[in-house]
Amino acid sequence: MNERKNNRQDEEEKGDMKEVFYFEDDDEEEIFIDYYCVDCGCIDPVPEFIVAECAYDLEPGESPEFFCPECNGTLVRKEKPAEE
């Protein structure tokens, strides 16, 4: 009985010991790249770091393609950014 009580206390203590991480770059503004759907015309801003990660194995000058959240079509990179 006493052993179970100690195990329960250990679990409660572990739950109280949550680590909080603070990143130094939190104030940095995130950059978005506009992609548009060739099927429905939907414009979807994609974070630059996602585009960079997906373009890792591509040739220079190539852009990755993504799936449209509206119609599941193909998103391609816009030539010119949308007006803000």
PDB file of N, CA and C in Angstrom:
ATOM      1  N   MET A   1       0.834  -1.191   0.000  1.00  0.00           N
ATOM      2  CA  MET A   1       0.000   0.000   0.000  1.00  0.00           C
ATOM      3  C   MET A   1       0.878   1.254   0.000  1.00  0.00           C
ATOM      4  N   ASN A   2       1.867   1.263   0.863  1.00  0.00           N
ATOM      5  CA  ASN A   2       2.752   2.409   0.975  1.00  0.00           C
ATOM      6  C   ASN A   2       3.537   2.631  -0.322  1.00  0.00           C
ATOM      7  N   GLU A   3       3.884   1.512  -0.983  1.00  0.00           N
ATOM      8  CA  GLU A   3       4.626   1.609  -2.248  1.00  0.00           C
ATOM      9  C   GLU A   3       3.777   2.264  -3.337  1.00  0.00           C
ATOM     10  N   ARG A   4       2.491   1.920  -3.425  1.00  0.00           N
ATOM     11  CA  ARG A   4       1.585   2.530  -4.393  1.00  0.00           C
ATOM     12  C   ARG A   4       1.442   4.024  -4.145  1.00  0.00           C
ATOM     13  N   LYS A   5       1.378   4.402  -2.888  1.00  0.00           N
ATOM     14  CA  LYS A   5       1.249   5.805  -2.527  1.00  0.00           C
ATOM     15  C   LYS A   5       2.484   6.590  -2.993  1.00  0.00           C
ATOM     16  N   ASN A   6       3.664   6.005  -2.821  1.00  0.00           N
ATOM     17  CA  ASN A   6       4.897   6.653  -3.270  1.00  0.00           C
ATOM     18  C   ASN A   6       4.932   6.780  -4.786  1.00  0.00           C
ATOM     19  N   ASN A   7       4.476   5.763  -5.508  1.00  0.00           N
ATOM     20  CA  ASN A   7       4.435   5.822  -6.978  1.00  0.00           C
ATOM     21  C   ASN A   7       3.513   6.935  -7.453  1.00  0.00           C
ATOM     22  N   ARG A   8       2.359   7.068  -6.798  1.00  0.00           N
ATOM     23  CA  ARG A   8       1.407   8.113  -7.163  1.00  0.00           C
ATOM     24  C   ARG A   8       2.014   9.494  -6.915  1.00  0.00           C
ATOM     25  N   GLN A   9       2.720   9.650  -5.810  1.00  0.00           N
ATOM     26  CA  GLN A   9       3.369  10.926  -5.513  1.00  0.00           C
ATOM     27  C   GLN A   9       4.463  11.229  -6.539  1.00  0.00           C
ATOM     28  N   ASP A  10       5.218  10.200  -6.951  1.00  0.00           N
ATOM     29  CA  ASP A  10       6.255  10.398  -7.963  1.00  0.00           C
ATOM     30  C   ASP A  10       5.649  10.873  -9.283  1.00  0.00           C
ATOM     31  N   GLU A  11       4.527  10.270  -9.680  1.00  0.00           N
ATOM     32  CA  GLU A  11       3.861  10.667 -10.918  1.00  0.00           C
ATOM     33  C   GLU A  11       3.349  12.102 -10.837  1.00  0.00           C
ATOM     34  N   GLU A  12       2.805  12.484  -9.687  1.00  0.00           N
ATOM     35  CA  GLU A  12       2.314  13.847  -9.516  1.00  0.00           C
ATOM     36  C   GLU A  12       3.456  14.851  -9.577  1.00  0.00           C
ATOM     37  N   GLU A  13       4.583  14.507  -8.998  1.00  0.00           N
ATOM     38  CA  GLU A  13       5.744  15.396  -9.031  1.00  0.00           C
ATOM     39  C   GLU A  13       6.270  15.556 -10.450  1.00  0.00           C
ATOM     40  N   LYS A  14       6.263  14.480 -11.227  1.00  0.00           N
ATOM     41  CA  LYS A  14       6.707  14.557 -12.619  1.00  0.00           C
ATOM     42  C   LYS A  14       5.805  15.490 -13.422  1.00  0.00           C
ATOM     43  N   GLY A  15       4.511  15.438 -13.147  1.00  0.00           N
ATOM     44  CA  GLY A  15       3.564  16.306 -13.841  1.00  0.00           C
ATOM     45  C   GLY A  15       3.784  17.774 -13.517  1.00  0.00           C
ATOM     46  N   ASP A  16       4.246  18.061 -12.308  1.00  0.00           N
ATOM     47  CA  ASP A  16       4.494  19.439 -11.894  1.00  0.00           C
ATOM     48  C   ASP A  16       5.788  19.995 -12.471  1.00  0.00           C
ATOM     49  N   MET A  17       6.667  19.134 -12.918  1.00  0.00           N
ATOM     50  CA  MET A  17       7.984  19.558 -13.395  1.00  0.00           C
ATOM     51  C   MET A  17       7.981  19.745 -14.907  1.00  0.00           C
ATOM     52  N   LYS A  18       7.162  20.615 -15.416  1.00  0.00           N
ATOM     53  CA  LYS A  18       7.109  20.903 -16.849  1.00  0.00           C
ATOM     54  C   LYS A  18       8.180  21.931 -17.173  1.00  0.00           C
ATOM     55  N   GLU A  19       8.913  21.671 -18.235  1.00  0.00           N
ATOM     56  CA  GLU A  19       9.956  22.598 -18.642  1.00  0.00           C
ATOM     57  C   GLU A  19       9.377  23.632 -19.603  1.00  0.00           C
ATOM     58  N   VAL A  20       9.809  24.851 -19.460  1.00  0.00           N
ATOM     59  CA  VAL A  20       9.384  25.922 -20.343  1.00  0.00           C
ATOM     60  C   VAL A  20      10.597  26.376 -21.134  1.00  0.00           C
ATOM     61  N   PHE A  21      10.469  26.386 -22.455  1.00  0.00           N
ATOM     62  CA  PHE A  21      11.562  26.794 -23.323  1.00  0.00           C
ATOM     63  C   PHE A  21      11.244  28.151 -23.925  1.00  0.00           C
ATOM     64  N   TYR A  22      12.207  29.034 -23.897  1.00  0.00           N
ATOM     65  CA  TYR A  22      12.079  30.338 -24.513  1.00  0.00           C
ATOM     66  C   TYR A  22      13.100  30.435 -25.631  1.00  0.00           C
ATOM     67  N   PHE A  23      12.647  30.811 -26.803  1.00  0.00           N
ATOM     68  CA  PHE A  23      13.534  30.938 -27.945  1.00  0.00           C
ATOM     69  C   PHE A  23      13.875  32.400 -28.153  1.00  0.00           C
ATOM     70  N   GLU A  24      15.128  32.653 -28.470  1.00  0.00           N
ATOM     71  CA  GLU A  24      15.593  34.027 -28.624  1.00  0.00           C
ATOM     72  C   GLU A  24      14.993  34.706 -29.855  1.00  0.00           C
ATOM     73  N   ASP A  25      14.631  33.935 -30.874  1.00  0.00           N
ATOM     74  CA  ASP A  25      14.165  34.509 -32.134  1.00  0.00           C
ATOM     75  C   ASP A  25      12.662  34.694 -32.193  1.00  0.00           C
ATOM     76  N   ASP A  26      11.972  34.675 -31.051  1.00  0.00           N
ATOM     77  CA  ASP A  26      10.518  34.786 -31.049  1.00  0.00           C
ATOM     78  C   ASP A  26      10.022  36.122 -31.593  1.00  0.00           C
ATOM     79  N   ASP A  27      10.833  37.199 -31.502  1.00  0.00           N
ATOM     80  CA  ASP A  27      10.372  38.503 -31.985  1.00  0.00           C
ATOM     81  C   ASP A  27      10.533  38.627 -33.498  1.00  0.00           C
ATOM     82  N   GLU A  28      11.245  37.702 -34.118  1.00  0.00           N
ATOM     83  CA  GLU A  28      11.513  37.793 -35.545  1.00  0.00           C
ATOM     84  C   GLU A  28      10.224  37.580 -36.339  1.00  0.00           C
ATOM     85  N   GLU A  29       9.990  38.465 -37.298  1.00  0.00           N
ATOM     86  CA  GLU A  29       8.783  38.384 -38.114  1.00  0.00           C
ATOM     87  C   GLU A  29       8.895  37.223 -39.089  1.00  0.00           C
ATOM     88  N   GLU A  30       7.833  36.438 -39.195  1.00  0.00           N
ATOM     89  CA  GLU A  30       7.834  35.298 -40.090  1.00  0.00           C
ATOM     90  C   GLU A  30       7.542  35.757 -41.517  1.00  0.00           C
ATOM     91  N   ILE A  31       8.257  35.187 -42.476  1.00  0.00           N
ATOM     92  CA  ILE A  31       8.101  35.547 -43.885  1.00  0.00           C
ATOM     93  C   ILE A  31       7.241  34.479 -44.564  1.00  0.00           C
ATOM     94  N   PHE A  32       6.249  34.933 -45.345  1.00  0.00           N
ATOM     95  CA  PHE A  32       5.369  34.022 -46.065  1.00  0.00           C
ATOM     96  C   PHE A  32       5.565  34.194 -47.567  1.00  0.00           C
ATOM     97  N   ILE A  33       5.464  33.088 -48.298  1.00  0.00           N
ATOM     98  CA  ILE A  33       5.559  33.093 -49.751  1.00  0.00           C
ATOM     99  C   ILE A  33       4.199  32.679 -50.288  1.00  0.00           C
ATOM    100  N   ASP A  34       3.659  33.461 -51.223  1.00  0.00           N
ATOM    101  CA  ASP A  34       2.332  33.174 -51.776  1.00  0.00           C
ATOM    102  C   ASP A  34       2.396  32.032 -52.782  1.00  0.00           C
ATOM    103  N   TYR A  35       1.507  31.077 -52.602  1.00  0.00           N
ATOM    104  CA  TYR A  35       1.303  29.980 -53.549  1.00  0.00           C
ATOM    105  C   TYR A  35      -0.152  30.046 -53.992  1.00  0.00           C
ATOM    106  N   TYR A  36      -0.421  29.696 -55.248  1.00  0.00           N
ATOM    107  CA  TYR A  36      -1.804  29.689 -55.717  1.00  0.00           C
ATOM    108  C   TYR A  36      -2.131  28.326 -56.304  1.00  0.00           C
ATOM    109  N   CYS A  37      -3.402  27.976 -56.245  1.00  0.00           N
ATOM    110  CA  CYS A  37      -3.876  26.691 -56.749  1.00  0.00           C
ATOM    111  C   CYS A  37      -4.163  26.813 -58.248  1.00  0.00           C
ATOM    112  N   VAL A  38      -3.624  25.910 -59.036  1.00  0.00           N
ATOM    113  CA  VAL A  38      -3.868  25.934 -60.475  1.00  0.00           C
ATOM    114  C   VAL A  38      -5.277  25.464 -60.812  1.00  0.00           C
ATOM    115  N   ASP A  39      -5.948  24.774 -59.875  1.00  0.00           N
ATOM    116  CA  ASP A  39      -7.293  24.263 -60.118  1.00  0.00           C
ATOM    117  C   ASP A  39      -8.389  25.238 -59.715  1.00  0.00           C
ATOM    118  N   CYS A  40      -8.320  25.788 -58.484  1.00  0.00           N
ATOM    119  CA  CYS A  40      -9.405  26.650 -58.002  1.00  0.00           C
ATOM    120  C   CYS A  40      -9.003  28.115 -57.832  1.00  0.00           C
ATOM    121  N   GLY A  41      -7.704  28.442 -57.945  1.00  0.00           N
ATOM    122  CA  GLY A  41      -7.255  29.826 -57.840  1.00  0.00           C
ATOM    123  C   GLY A  41      -7.049  30.321 -56.419  1.00  0.00           C
ATOM    124  N   CYS A  42      -7.199  29.441 -55.433  1.00  0.00           N
ATOM    125  CA  CYS A  42      -7.010  29.801 -54.025  1.00  0.00           C
ATOM    126  C   CYS A  42      -5.564  30.256 -53.798  1.00  0.00           C
ATOM    127  N   ILE A  43      -5.387  31.330 -53.024  1.00  0.00           N
ATOM    128  CA  ILE A  43      -4.053  31.803 -52.674  1.00  0.00           C
ATOM    129  C   ILE A  43      -3.776  31.395 -51.236  1.00  0.00           C
ATOM    130  N   ASP A  44      -2.647  30.722 -51.025  1.00  0.00           N
ATOM    131  CA  ASP A  44      -2.289  30.221 -49.702  1.00  0.00           C
ATOM    132  C   ASP A  44      -0.874  30.668 -49.364  1.00  0.00           C
ATOM    133  N   PRO A  45      -0.699  31.492 -48.325  1.00  0.00           N
ATOM    134  CA  PRO A  45       0.652  31.880 -47.914  1.00  0.00           C
ATOM    135  C   PRO A  45       1.334  30.734 -47.155  1.00  0.00           C
ATOM    136  N   VAL A  46       2.537  30.379 -47.587  1.00  0.00           N
ATOM    137  CA  VAL A  46       3.297  29.290 -46.970  1.00  0.00           C
ATOM    138  C   VAL A  46       4.516  29.902 -46.283  1.00  0.00           C
ATOM    139  N   PRO A  47       4.800  29.536 -45.033  1.00  0.00           N
ATOM    140  CA  PRO A  47       5.977  30.079 -44.355  1.00  0.00           C
ATOM    141  C   PRO A  47       7.262  29.750 -45.117  1.00  0.00           C
ATOM    142  N   GLU A  48       8.179  30.706 -45.146  1.00  0.00           N
ATOM    143  CA  GLU A  48       9.414  30.546 -45.908  1.00  0.00           C
ATOM    144  C   GLU A  48      10.223  29.332 -45.450  1.00  0.00           C
ATOM    145  N   PHE A  49      10.241  29.056 -44.146  1.00  0.00           N
ATOM    146  CA  PHE A  49      11.044  27.927 -43.674  1.00  0.00           C
ATOM    147  C   PHE A  49      10.495  26.595 -44.175  1.00  0.00           C
ATOM    148  N   ILE A  50       9.183  26.503 -44.391  1.00  0.00           N
ATOM    149  CA  ILE A  50       8.587  25.289 -44.953  1.00  0.00           C
ATOM    150  C   ILE A  50       9.015  25.129 -46.404  1.00  0.00           C
ATOM    151  N   VAL A  51       8.960  26.221 -47.162  1.00  0.00           N
ATOM    152  CA  VAL A  51       9.376  26.187 -48.571  1.00  0.00           C
ATOM    153  C   VAL A  51      10.844  25.787 -48.664  1.00  0.00           C
ATOM    154  N   ALA A  52      11.684  26.357 -47.798  1.00  0.00           N
ATOM    155  CA  ALA A  52      13.118  26.046 -47.824  1.00  0.00           C
ATOM    156  C   ALA A  52      13.372  24.575 -47.499  1.00  0.00           C
ATOM    157  N   GLU A  53      12.655  24.032 -46.511  1.00  0.00           N
ATOM    158  CA  GLU A  53      12.834  22.627 -46.151  1.00  0.00           C
ATOM    159  C   GLU A  53      12.404  21.700 -47.294  1.00  0.00           C
ATOM    160  N   CYS A  54      11.318  22.038 -47.970  1.00  0.00           N
ATOM    161  CA  CYS A  54      10.813  21.189 -49.049  1.00  0.00           C
ATOM    162  C   CYS A  54      11.629  21.338 -50.334  1.00  0.00           C
ATOM    163  N   ALA A  55      12.368  22.416 -50.470  1.00  0.00           N
ATOM    164  CA  ALA A  55      13.166  22.659 -51.670  1.00  0.00           C
ATOM    165  C   ALA A  55      14.577  22.107 -51.545  1.00  0.00           C
ATOM    166  N   TYR A  56      14.860  21.411 -50.471  1.00  0.00           N
ATOM    167  CA  TYR A  56      16.218  20.954 -50.197  1.00  0.00           C
ATOM    168  C   TYR A  56      16.799  20.110 -51.321  1.00  0.00           C
ATOM    169  N   ASP A  57      16.046  19.160 -51.865  1.00  0.00           N
ATOM    170  CA  ASP A  57      16.552  18.250 -52.901  1.00  0.00           C
ATOM    171  C   ASP A  57      16.278  18.730 -54.317  1.00  0.00           C
ATOM    172  N   LEU A  58      15.679  19.902 -54.486  1.00  0.00           N
ATOM    173  CA  LEU A  58      15.357  20.406 -55.817  1.00  0.00           C
ATOM    174  C   LEU A  58      16.555  21.123 -56.441  1.00  0.00           C
ATOM    175  N   GLU A  59      16.492  21.267 -57.762  1.00  0.00           N
ATOM    176  CA  GLU A  59      17.521  22.009 -58.487  1.00  0.00           C
ATOM    177  C   GLU A  59      17.394  23.499 -58.165  1.00  0.00           C
ATOM    178  N   PRO A  60      18.485  24.261 -58.296  1.00  0.00           N
ATOM    179  CA  PRO A  60      18.397  25.715 -58.074  1.00  0.00           C
ATOM    180  C   PRO A  60      17.375  26.353 -59.020  1.00  0.00           C
ATOM    181  N   GLY A  61      16.540  27.221 -58.484  1.00  0.00           N
ATOM    182  CA  GLY A  61      15.502  27.878 -59.275  1.00  0.00           C
ATOM    183  C   GLY A  61      14.168  27.150 -59.264  1.00  0.00           C
ATOM    184  N   GLU A  62      14.132  25.903 -58.831  1.00  0.00           N
ATOM    185  CA  GLU A  62      12.882  25.156 -58.748  1.00  0.00           C
ATOM    186  C   GLU A  62      12.197  25.456 -57.420  1.00  0.00           C
ATOM    187  N   SER A  63      10.878  25.437 -57.422  1.00  0.00           N
ATOM    188  CA  SER A  63      10.100  25.634 -56.193  1.00  0.00           C
ATOM    189  C   SER A  63       9.276  24.385 -55.919  1.00  0.00           C
ATOM    190  N   PRO A  64       9.115  24.048 -54.655  1.00  0.00           N
ATOM    191  CA  PRO A  64       8.284  22.882 -54.332  1.00  0.00           C
ATOM    192  C   PRO A  64       6.815  23.159 -54.611  1.00  0.00           C
ATOM    193  N   GLU A  65       6.053  22.094 -54.842  1.00  0.00           N
ATOM    194  CA  GLU A  65       4.612  22.199 -55.016  1.00  0.00           C
ATOM    195  C   GLU A  65       3.945  21.627 -53.774  1.00  0.00           C
ATOM    196  N   PHE A  66       2.791  22.210 -53.414  1.00  0.00           N
ATOM    197  CA  PHE A  66       2.045  21.780 -52.237  1.00  0.00           C
ATOM    198  C   PHE A  66       0.617  21.448 -52.633  1.00  0.00           C
ATOM    199  N   PHE A  67      -0.150  20.890 -51.699  1.00  0.00           N
ATOM    200  CA  PHE A  67      -1.558  20.576 -51.934  1.00  0.00           C
ATOM    201  C   PHE A  67      -2.432  21.720 -51.453  1.00  0.00           C
ATOM    202  N   CYS A  68      -3.457  22.047 -52.234  1.00  0.00           N
ATOM    203  CA  CYS A  68      -4.384  23.116 -51.904  1.00  0.00           C
ATOM    204  C   CYS A  68      -5.266  22.702 -50.723  1.00  0.00           C
ATOM    205  N   PRO A  69      -5.409  23.575 -49.714  1.00  0.00           N
ATOM    206  CA  PRO A  69      -6.264  23.238 -48.577  1.00  0.00           C
ATOM    207  C   PRO A  69      -7.756  23.284 -48.917  1.00  0.00           C
ATOM    208  N   GLU A  70      -8.120  23.937 -50.022  1.00  0.00           N
ATOM    209  CA  GLU A  70      -9.532  24.055 -50.403  1.00  0.00           C
ATOM    210  C   GLU A  70     -10.006  22.869 -51.243  1.00  0.00           C
ATOM    211  N   CYS A  71      -9.241  22.534 -52.301  1.00  0.00           N
ATOM    212  CA  CYS A  71      -9.720  21.521 -53.253  1.00  0.00           C
ATOM    213  C   CYS A  71      -8.762  20.348 -53.419  1.00  0.00           C
ATOM    214  N   ASN A  72      -7.651  20.344 -52.697  1.00  0.00           N
ATOM    215  CA  ASN A  72      -6.635  19.296 -52.785  1.00  0.00           C
ATOM    216  C   ASN A  72      -5.930  19.293 -54.141  1.00  0.00           C
ATOM    217  N   GLY A  73      -5.988  20.427 -54.845  1.00  0.00           N
ATOM    218  CA  GLY A  73      -5.281  20.579 -56.116  1.00  0.00           C
ATOM    219  C   GLY A  73      -3.812  20.886 -55.867  1.00  0.00           C
ATOM    220  N   THR A  74      -3.140  21.388 -56.903  1.00  0.00           N
ATOM    221  CA  THR A  74      -1.712  21.673 -56.820  1.00  0.00           C
ATOM    222  C   THR A  74      -1.466  23.154 -56.591  1.00  0.00           C
ATOM    223  N   LEU A  75      -0.723  23.468 -55.542  1.00  0.00           N
ATOM    224  CA  LEU A  75      -0.309  24.847 -55.272  1.00  0.00           C
ATOM    225  C   LEU A  75       1.067  25.067 -55.883  1.00  0.00           C
ATOM    226  N   VAL A  76       1.209  26.143 -56.652  1.00  0.00           N
ATOM    227  CA  VAL A  76       2.497  26.533 -57.224  1.00  0.00           C
ATOM    228  C   VAL A  76       2.830  27.944 -56.770  1.00  0.00           C
ATOM    229  N   ARG A  77       4.104  28.274 -56.799  1.00  0.00           N
ATOM    230  CA  ARG A  77       4.551  29.574 -56.314  1.00  0.00           C
ATOM    231  C   ARG A  77       4.091  30.685 -57.242  1.00  0.00           C
ATOM    232  N   LYS A  78       3.576  31.774 -56.658  1.00  0.00           N
ATOM    233  CA  LYS A  78       3.170  32.950 -57.437  1.00  0.00           C
ATOM    234  C   LYS A  78       4.406  33.698 -57.893  1.00  0.00           C
ATOM    235  N   GLU A  79       4.321  34.293 -59.074  1.00  0.00           N
ATOM    236  CA  GLU A  79       5.445  35.086 -59.591  1.00  0.00           C
ATOM    237  C   GLU A  79       5.636  36.348 -58.771  1.00  0.00           C
ATOM    238  N   LYS A  80       4.532  37.063 -58.523  1.00  0.00           N
ATOM    239  CA  LYS A  80       4.583  38.307 -57.767  1.00  0.00           C
ATOM    240  C   LYS A  80       3.762  38.147 -56.496  1.00  0.00           C
ATOM    241  N   PRO A  81       4.229  38.682 -55.349  1.00  0.00           N
ATOM    242  CA  PRO A  81       3.463  38.550 -54.110  1.00  0.00           C
ATOM    243  C   PRO A  81       2.132  39.305 -54.165  1.00  0.00           C
ATOM    244  N   ALA A  82       1.177  38.854 -53.393  1.00  0.00           N
ATOM    245  CA  ALA A  82      -0.128  39.527 -53.308  1.00  0.00           C
ATOM    246  C   ALA A  82       0.023  40.849 -52.578  1.00  0.00           C
ATOM    247  N   GLU A  83      -0.894  41.746 -52.829  1.00  0.00           N
ATOM    248  CA  GLU A  83      -0.888  43.042 -52.144  1.00  0.00           C
ATOM    249  C   GLU A  83      -1.159  42.817 -50.664  1.00  0.00           C
ATOM    250  N   GLU A  84      -0.518  43.575 -49.798  1.00  0.00           N
ATOM    251  CA  GLU A  84      -0.711  43.416 -48.355  1.00  0.00           C
ATOM    252  C   GLU A  84      -1.863  44.260 -47.862  1.00  0.00           C
TER     253      GLU A  84
END
